[in-house]
Each structure stands twice: as C-alpha cells, then as structure tokens.
Amino acid sequence: SLRAQITGGRTLTQDGHLAASISSRSGRDWAE
C-alpha cells in the first residue's frame, strides 16, 4: 500500500483492526 511505502510499515496493518477482527465459528455441519 502507499501508506506502507511511506512509513515502511505493513500493508493492511495500519492500526491492526482488520487483522484483529478475524474470527471464526462453527456448528454441527459448517465452519466459517
């Protein structure tokens, strides 16, 4: 990303909220 190029950081990790929002759940016959 342009932000990562400017700051030397990582793409999609400006504040870490997107990665932190990853969650999972499952049931008897499904997983997501």
PDB file of all heavy atoms in Angstrom:
ATOM      1  N   SER A   1       0.846  -1.196   0.000  1.00  0.00           N
ATOM      2  CA  SER A   1       0.000   0.000   0.000  1.00  0.00           C
ATOM      3  C   SER A   1       0.879   1.243   0.000  1.00  0.00           C
ATOM      4  O   SER A   1       2.048   1.207   0.394  1.00  0.00           O
ATOM      5  CB  SER A   1      -0.903   0.014   1.239  1.00  0.00           C
ATOM      6  OG  SER A   1      -0.119   0.145   2.410  1.00  0.00           O
ATOM      7  N   LEU A   2       0.313   2.354  -0.413  1.00  0.00           N
ATOM      8  CA  LEU A   2       1.037   3.625  -0.404  1.00  0.00           C
ATOM      9  C   LEU A   2       1.461   3.975   1.014  1.00  0.00           C
ATOM     10  O   LEU A   2       2.588   4.407   1.260  1.00  0.00           O
ATOM     11  CB  LEU A   2       0.166   4.734  -1.000  1.00  0.00           C
ATOM     12  CG  LEU A   2       0.787   6.120  -1.086  1.00  0.00           C
ATOM     13  CD1 LEU A   2       2.056   6.081  -1.941  1.00  0.00           C
ATOM     14  CD2 LEU A   2      -0.207   7.105  -1.660  1.00  0.00           C
ATOM     15  N   ARG A   3       0.561   3.759   1.990  1.00  0.00           N
ATOM     16  CA  ARG A   3       0.894   4.043   3.375  1.00  0.00           C
ATOM     17  C   ARG A   3       2.091   3.214   3.837  1.00  0.00           C
ATOM     18  O   ARG A   3       3.003   3.723   4.479  1.00  0.00           O
ATOM     19  CB  ARG A   3      -0.311   3.773   4.297  1.00  0.00           C
ATOM     20  CG  ARG A   3      -0.023   4.211   5.741  1.00  0.00           C
ATOM     21  CD  ARG A   3      -0.748   3.387   6.771  1.00  0.00           C
ATOM     22  NE  ARG A   3      -0.804   1.972   6.544  1.00  0.00           N
ATOM     23  CZ  ARG A   3       0.152   1.098   6.913  1.00  0.00           C
ATOM     24  NH1 ARG A   3       1.241   1.498   7.508  1.00  0.00           N
ATOM     25  NH2 ARG A   3       0.004  -0.180   6.667  1.00  0.00           N
ATOM     26  N   ALA A   4       2.116   1.931   3.484  1.00  0.00           N
ATOM     27  CA  ALA A   4       3.241   1.075   3.864  1.00  0.00           C
ATOM     28  C   ALA A   4       4.534   1.541   3.189  1.00  0.00           C
ATOM     29  O   ALA A   4       5.607   1.495   3.784  1.00  0.00           O
ATOM     30  CB  ALA A   4       2.946  -0.379   3.506  1.00  0.00           C
ATOM     31  N   GLN A   5       4.431   2.006   1.958  1.00  0.00           N
ATOM     32  CA  GLN A   5       5.616   2.520   1.260  1.00  0.00           C
ATOM     33  C   GLN A   5       6.141   3.783   1.929  1.00  0.00           C
ATOM     34  O   GLN A   5       7.351   3.979   2.036  1.00  0.00           O
ATOM     35  CB  GLN A   5       5.281   2.813  -0.205  1.00  0.00           C
ATOM     36  CG  GLN A   5       4.980   1.576  -1.024  1.00  0.00           C
ATOM     37  CD  GLN A   5       4.518   1.932  -2.420  1.00  0.00           C
ATOM     38  OE1 GLN A   5       5.063   2.822  -3.058  1.00  0.00           O
ATOM     39  NE2 GLN A   5       3.493   1.238  -2.893  1.00  0.00           N
ATOM     40  N   ILE A   6       5.242   4.643   2.385  1.00  0.00           N
ATOM     41  CA  ILE A   6       5.648   5.900   3.010  1.00  0.00           C
ATOM     42  C   ILE A   6       6.244   5.664   4.387  1.00  0.00           C
ATOM     43  O   ILE A   6       7.293   6.217   4.729  1.00  0.00           O
ATOM     44  CB  ILE A   6       4.453   6.876   3.100  1.00  0.00           C
ATOM     45  CG1 ILE A   6       4.050   7.334   1.702  1.00  0.00           C
ATOM     46  CG2 ILE A   6       4.784   8.078   3.973  1.00  0.00           C
ATOM     47  CD1 ILE A   6       2.746   8.120   1.665  1.00  0.00           C
ATOM     48  N   THR A   7       5.582   4.842   5.192  1.00  0.00           N
ATOM     49  CA  THR A   7       6.001   4.667   6.586  1.00  0.00           C
ATOM     50  C   THR A   7       6.917   3.476   6.812  1.00  0.00           C
ATOM     51  O   THR A   7       7.491   3.330   7.891  1.00  0.00           O
ATOM     52  CB  THR A   7       4.770   4.491   7.498  1.00  0.00           C
ATOM     53  OG1 THR A   7       4.115   3.259   7.165  1.00  0.00           O
ATOM     54  CG2 THR A   7       3.807   5.658   7.367  1.00  0.00           C
ATOM     55  N   GLY A   8       7.025   2.603   5.805  1.00  0.00           N
ATOM     56  CA  GLY A   8       7.829   1.400   5.979  1.00  0.00           C
ATOM     57  C   GLY A   8       7.089   0.320   6.740  1.00  0.00           C
ATOM     58  O   GLY A   8       7.651  -0.686   7.113  1.00  0.00           O
ATOM     59  N   GLY A   9       5.821   0.525   6.983  1.00  0.00           N
ATOM     60  CA  GLY A   9       5.017  -0.453   7.716  1.00  0.00           C
ATOM     61  C   GLY A   9       4.532  -1.567   6.811  1.00  0.00           C
ATOM     62  O   GLY A   9       5.004  -1.742   5.686  1.00  0.00           O
ATOM     63  N   ARG A  10       3.562  -2.291   7.318  1.00  0.00           N
ATOM     64  CA  ARG A  10       2.993  -3.409   6.577  1.00  0.00           C
ATOM     65  C   ARG A  10       1.667  -3.000   5.934  1.00  0.00           C
ATOM     66  O   ARG A  10       0.920  -2.196   6.484  1.00  0.00           O
ATOM     67  CB  ARG A  10       2.746  -4.595   7.506  1.00  0.00           C
ATOM     68  CG  ARG A  10       4.017  -5.221   8.011  1.00  0.00           C
ATOM     69  CD  ARG A  10       3.645  -6.368   8.957  1.00  0.00           C
ATOM     70  NE  ARG A  10       4.796  -7.113   9.340  1.00  0.00           N
ATOM     71  CZ  ARG A  10       5.201  -8.229   8.737  1.00  0.00           C
ATOM     72  NH1 ARG A  10       4.515  -8.719   7.741  1.00  0.00           N
ATOM     73  NH2 ARG A  10       6.277  -8.851   9.144  1.00  0.00           N
ATOM     74  N   THR A  11       1.366  -3.611   4.819  1.00  0.00           N
ATOM     75  CA  THR A  11       0.103  -3.397   4.130  1.00  0.00           C
ATOM     76  C   THR A  11      -1.031  -4.038   4.919  1.00  0.00           C
ATOM     77  O   THR A  11      -0.868  -5.115   5.493  1.00  0.00           O
ATOM     78  CB  THR A  11       0.199  -3.992   2.711  1.00  0.00           C
ATOM     79  OG1 THR A  11       1.243  -3.301   2.015  1.00  0.00           O
ATOM     80  CG2 THR A  11      -1.099  -3.861   1.942  1.00  0.00           C
ATOM     81  N   LEU A  12      -2.175  -3.380   4.970  1.00  0.00           N
ATOM     82  CA  LEU A  12      -3.385  -3.808   5.679  1.00  0.00           C
ATOM     83  C   LEU A  12      -3.199  -3.916   7.191  1.00  0.00           C
ATOM     84  O   LEU A  12      -3.960  -4.597   7.868  1.00  0.00           O
ATOM     85  CB  LEU A  12      -3.917  -5.148   5.138  1.00  0.00           C
ATOM     86  CG  LEU A  12      -4.334  -5.196   3.674  1.00  0.00           C
ATOM     87  CD1 LEU A  12      -5.004  -6.538   3.377  1.00  0.00           C
ATOM     88  CD2 LEU A  12      -5.271  -4.069   3.302  1.00  0.00           C
ATOM     89  N   THR A  13      -2.189  -3.214   7.723  1.00  0.00           N
ATOM     90  CA  THR A  13      -1.967  -3.295   9.174  1.00  0.00           C
ATOM     91  C   THR A  13      -1.715  -1.932   9.801  1.00  0.00           C
ATOM     92  O   THR A  13      -0.995  -1.832  10.785  1.00  0.00           O
ATOM     93  CB  THR A  13      -0.779  -4.231   9.498  1.00  0.00           C
ATOM     94  OG1 THR A  13       0.383  -3.731   8.838  1.00  0.00           O
ATOM     95  CG2 THR A  13      -1.039  -5.645   9.076  1.00  0.00           C
ATOM     96  N   GLN A  14      -2.318  -0.892   9.261  1.00  0.00           N
ATOM     97  CA  GLN A  14      -2.090   0.447   9.793  1.00  0.00           C
ATOM     98  C   GLN A  14      -2.342   0.510  11.298  1.00  0.00           C
ATOM     99  O   GLN A  14      -1.508   0.973  12.060  1.00  0.00           O
ATOM    100  CB  GLN A  14      -2.967   1.473   9.081  1.00  0.00           C
ATOM    101  CG  GLN A  14      -2.765   2.885   9.612  1.00  0.00           C
ATOM    102  CD  GLN A  14      -3.547   3.914   8.821  1.00  0.00           C
ATOM    103  OE1 GLN A  14      -4.180   3.604   7.826  1.00  0.00           O
ATOM    104  NE2 GLN A  14      -3.505   5.154   9.246  1.00  0.00           N
ATOM    105  N   ASP A  15      -3.511   0.061  11.724  1.00  0.00           N
ATOM    106  CA  ASP A  15      -3.817   0.084  13.150  1.00  0.00           C
ATOM    107  C   ASP A  15      -4.074  -1.313  13.708  1.00  0.00           C
ATOM    108  O   ASP A  15      -4.297  -1.476  14.894  1.00  0.00           O
ATOM    109  CB  ASP A  15      -5.012   0.989  13.445  1.00  0.00           C
ATOM    110  CG  ASP A  15      -6.237   0.640  12.610  1.00  0.00           C
ATOM    111  OD1 ASP A  15      -6.332  -0.516  12.136  1.00  0.00           O
ATOM    112  OD2 ASP A  15      -7.099   1.500  12.439  1.00  0.00           O
ATOM    113  N   GLY A  16      -4.060  -2.324  12.855  1.00  0.00           N
ATOM    114  CA  GLY A  16      -4.247  -3.707  13.284  1.00  0.00           C
ATOM    115  C   GLY A  16      -5.691  -4.123  13.471  1.00  0.00           C
ATOM    116  O   GLY A  16      -5.964  -5.269  13.843  1.00  0.00           O
ATOM    117  N   HIS A  17      -6.635  -3.233  13.197  1.00  0.00           N
ATOM    118  CA  HIS A  17      -8.041  -3.549  13.443  1.00  0.00           C
ATOM    119  C   HIS A  17      -8.582  -4.615  12.502  1.00  0.00           C
ATOM    120  O   HIS A  17      -9.398  -5.452  12.921  1.00  0.00           O
ATOM    121  CB  HIS A  17      -8.901  -2.291  13.356  1.00  0.00           C
ATOM    122  CG  HIS A  17      -8.635  -1.325  14.455  1.00  0.00           C
ATOM    123  ND1 HIS A  17      -9.269  -0.110  14.529  1.00  0.00           N
ATOM    124  CD2 HIS A  17      -7.805  -1.365  15.527  1.00  0.00           C
ATOM    125  CE1 HIS A  17      -8.839   0.545  15.588  1.00  0.00           C
ATOM    126  NE2 HIS A  17      -7.949  -0.201  16.201  1.00  0.00           N
ATOM    127  N   LEU A  18      -8.163  -4.592  11.240  1.00  0.00           N
ATOM    128  CA  LEU A  18      -8.673  -5.583  10.285  1.00  0.00           C
ATOM    129  C   LEU A  18      -8.230  -6.988  10.696  1.00  0.00           C
ATOM    130  O   LEU A  18      -9.058  -7.894  10.805  1.00  0.00           O
ATOM    131  CB  LEU A  18      -8.213  -5.261   8.863  1.00  0.00           C
ATOM    132  CG  LEU A  18      -8.715  -6.197   7.763  1.00  0.00           C
ATOM    133  CD1 LEU A  18     -10.238  -6.238   7.722  1.00  0.00           C
ATOM    134  CD2 LEU A  18      -8.152  -5.769   6.410  1.00  0.00           C
ATOM    135  N   ALA A  19      -6.952  -7.155  10.949  1.00  0.00           N
ATOM    136  CA  ALA A  19      -6.447  -8.474  11.366  1.00  0.00           C
ATOM    137  C   ALA A  19      -7.062  -8.897  12.699  1.00  0.00           C
ATOM    138  O   ALA A  19      -7.399 -10.070  12.886  1.00  0.00           O
ATOM    139  CB  ALA A  19      -4.929  -8.458  11.466  1.00  0.00           C
ATOM    140  N   ALA A  20      -7.234  -7.956  13.604  1.00  0.00           N
ATOM    141  CA  ALA A  20      -7.811  -8.275  14.911  1.00  0.00           C
ATOM    142  C   ALA A  20      -9.281  -8.664  14.806  1.00  0.00           C
ATOM    143  O   ALA A  20      -9.809  -9.340  15.696  1.00  0.00           O
ATOM    144  CB  ALA A  20      -7.647  -7.094  15.866  1.00  0.00           C
ATOM    145  N   SER A  21      -9.937  -8.253  13.732  1.00  0.00           N
ATOM    146  CA  SER A  21     -11.359  -8.571  13.584  1.00  0.00           C
ATOM    147  C   SER A  21     -11.593  -9.970  13.018  1.00  0.00           C
ATOM    148  O   SER A  21     -12.735 -10.416  12.961  1.00  0.00           O
ATOM    149  CB  SER A  21     -12.045  -7.536  12.685  1.00  0.00           C
ATOM    150  OG  SER A  21     -11.775  -7.778  11.316  1.00  0.00           O
ATOM    151  N   ILE A  22     -10.553 -10.659  12.614  1.00  0.00           N
ATOM    152  CA  ILE A  22     -10.711 -12.014  12.076  1.00  0.00           C
ATOM    153  C   ILE A  22     -11.220 -12.917  13.196  1.00  0.00           C
ATOM    154  O   ILE A  22     -10.643 -12.970  14.281  1.00  0.00           O
ATOM    155  CB  ILE A  22      -9.380 -12.566  11.526  1.00  0.00           C
ATOM    156  CG1 ILE A  22      -8.778 -11.644  10.454  1.00  0.00           C
ATOM    157  CG2 ILE A  22      -9.563 -13.988  10.989  1.00  0.00           C
ATOM    158  CD1 ILE A  22      -9.622 -11.470   9.231  1.00  0.00           C
ATOM    159  N   SER A  23     -12.307 -13.594  12.922  1.00  0.00           N
ATOM    160  CA  SER A  23     -12.863 -14.520  13.910  1.00  0.00           C
ATOM    161  C   SER A  23     -13.461 -15.707  13.174  1.00  0.00           C
ATOM    162  O   SER A  23     -13.653 -15.675  11.953  1.00  0.00           O
ATOM    163  CB  SER A  23     -13.912 -13.826  14.777  1.00  0.00           C
ATOM    164  OG  SER A  23     -14.997 -13.408  13.977  1.00  0.00           O
ATOM    165  N   SER A  24     -13.760 -16.754  13.938  1.00  0.00           N
ATOM    166  CA  SER A  24     -14.325 -17.956  13.336  1.00  0.00           C
ATOM    167  C   SER A  24     -15.431 -18.491  14.218  1.00  0.00           C
ATOM    168  O   SER A  24     -15.521 -18.166  15.401  1.00  0.00           O
ATOM    169  CB  SER A  24     -13.235 -19.020  13.157  1.00  0.00           C
ATOM    170  OG  SER A  24     -12.700 -19.402  14.413  1.00  0.00           O
ATOM    171  N   ARG A  25     -16.260 -19.311  13.619  1.00  0.00           N
ATOM    172  CA  ARG A  25     -17.284 -20.018  14.357  1.00  0.00           C
ATOM    173  C   ARG A  25     -17.664 -21.255  13.560  1.00  0.00           C
ATOM    174  O   ARG A  25     -17.344 -21.355  12.368  1.00  0.00           O
ATOM    175  CB  ARG A  25     -18.487 -19.139  14.668  1.00  0.00           C
ATOM    176  CG  ARG A  25     -19.165 -18.562  13.466  1.00  0.00           C
ATOM    177  CD  ARG A  25     -20.208 -17.523  13.829  1.00  0.00           C
ATOM    178  NE  ARG A  25     -20.983 -17.219  12.634  1.00  0.00           N
ATOM    179  CZ  ARG A  25     -22.296 -17.056  12.608  1.00  0.00           C
ATOM    180  NH1 ARG A  25     -22.980 -17.138  13.713  1.00  0.00           N
ATOM    181  NH2 ARG A  25     -22.916 -16.812  11.494  1.00  0.00           N
ATOM    182  N   SER A  26     -18.309 -22.169  14.224  1.00  0.00           N
ATOM    183  CA  SER A  26     -18.660 -23.424  13.564  1.00  0.00           C
ATOM    184  C   SER A  26     -19.888 -24.020  14.219  1.00  0.00           C
ATOM    185  O   SER A  26     -20.312 -23.593  15.292  1.00  0.00           O
ATOM    186  CB  SER A  26     -17.487 -24.399  13.645  1.00  0.00           C
ATOM    187  OG  SER A  26     -17.192 -24.690  15.002  1.00  0.00           O
ATOM    188  N   GLY A  27     -20.426 -25.022  13.562  1.00  0.00           N
ATOM    189  CA  GLY A  27     -21.592 -25.724  14.079  1.00  0.00           C
ATOM    190  C   GLY A  27     -21.515 -27.194  13.741  1.00  0.00           C
ATOM    191  O   GLY A  27     -20.451 -27.711  13.408  1.00  0.00           O
ATOM    192  N   ARG A  28     -22.621 -27.840  13.794  1.00  0.00           N
ATOM    193  CA  ARG A  28     -22.689 -29.285  13.581  1.00  0.00           C
ATOM    194  C   ARG A  28     -22.158 -29.699  12.207  1.00  0.00           C
ATOM    195  O   ARG A  28     -21.498 -30.721  12.081  1.00  0.00           O
ATOM    196  CB  ARG A  28     -24.136 -29.738  13.759  1.00  0.00           C
ATOM    197  CG  ARG A  28     -24.349 -31.210  13.730  1.00  0.00           C
ATOM    198  CD  ARG A  28     -25.826 -31.511  14.012  1.00  0.00           C
ATOM    199  NE  ARG A  28     -26.083 -32.928  13.919  1.00  0.00           N
ATOM    200  CZ  ARG A  28     -25.993 -33.757  14.951  1.00  0.00           C
ATOM    201  NH1 ARG A  28     -25.671 -33.305  16.139  1.00  0.00           N
ATOM    202  NH2 ARG A  28     -26.260 -35.023  14.791  1.00  0.00           N
ATOM    203  N   ASP A  29     -22.442 -28.906  11.190  1.00  0.00           N
ATOM    204  CA  ASP A  29     -22.012 -29.286   9.845  1.00  0.00           C
ATOM    205  C   ASP A  29     -21.503 -28.097   9.021  1.00  0.00           C
ATOM    206  O   ASP A  29     -21.627 -28.072   7.807  1.00  0.00           O
ATOM    207  CB  ASP A  29     -23.146 -30.002   9.108  1.00  0.00           C
ATOM    208  CG  ASP A  29     -24.391 -29.144   8.969  1.00  0.00           C
ATOM    209  OD1 ASP A  29     -24.402 -28.008   9.487  1.00  0.00           O
ATOM    210  OD2 ASP A  29     -25.363 -29.610   8.340  1.00  0.00           O
ATOM    211  N   TRP A  30     -20.937 -27.098   9.695  1.00  0.00           N
ATOM    212  CA  TRP A  30     -20.410 -25.928   8.983  1.00  0.00           C
ATOM    213  C   TRP A  30     -19.271 -25.283   9.772  1.00  0.00           C
ATOM    214  O   TRP A  30     -19.176 -25.432  10.986  1.00  0.00           O
ATOM    215  CB  TRP A  30     -21.511 -24.901   8.707  1.00  0.00           C
ATOM    216  CG  TRP A  30     -22.222 -24.436   9.939  1.00  0.00           C
ATOM    217  CD1 TRP A  30     -23.289 -25.026  10.537  1.00  0.00           C
ATOM    218  CD2 TRP A  30     -21.888 -23.294  10.750  1.00  0.00           C
ATOM    219  NE1 TRP A  30     -23.650 -24.320  11.672  1.00  0.00           N
ATOM    220  CE2 TRP A  30     -22.799 -23.250  11.818  1.00  0.00           C
ATOM    221  CE3 TRP A  30     -20.905 -22.320  10.669  1.00  0.00           C
ATOM    222  CZ2 TRP A  30     -22.774 -22.275  12.801  1.00  0.00           C
ATOM    223  CZ3 TRP A  30     -20.878 -21.337  11.652  1.00  0.00           C
ATOM    224  CH2 TRP A  30     -21.797 -21.319  12.702  1.00  0.00           C
ATOM    225  N   ALA A  31     -18.419 -24.601   9.033  1.00  0.00           N
ATOM    226  CA  ALA A  31     -17.305 -23.838   9.611  1.00  0.00           C
ATOM    227  C   ALA A  31     -17.145 -22.569   8.790  1.00  0.00           C
ATOM    228  O   ALA A  31     -17.266 -22.602   7.560  1.00  0.00           O
ATOM    229  CB  ALA A  31     -16.013 -24.658   9.574  1.00  0.00           C
ATOM    230  N   GLU A  32     -16.894 -21.453   9.469  1.00  0.00           N
ATOM    231  CA  GLU A  32     -16.685 -20.198   8.750  1.00  0.00           C
ATOM    232  C   GLU A  32     -15.744 -19.300   9.527  1.00  0.00           C
ATOM    233  O   GLU A  32     -15.587 -19.443  10.740  1.00  0.00           O
ATOM    234  CB  GLU A  32     -18.015 -19.477   8.491  1.00  0.00           C
ATOM    235  CG  GLU A  32     -18.697 -18.946   9.730  1.00  0.00           C
ATOM    236  CD  GLU A  32     -20.032 -18.270   9.439  1.00  0.00           C
ATOM    237  OE1 GLU A  32     -20.606 -18.484   8.354  1.00  0.00           O
ATOM    238  OE2 GLU A  32     -20.510 -17.532  10.313  1.00  0.00           O
TER     239      GLU A  32
END
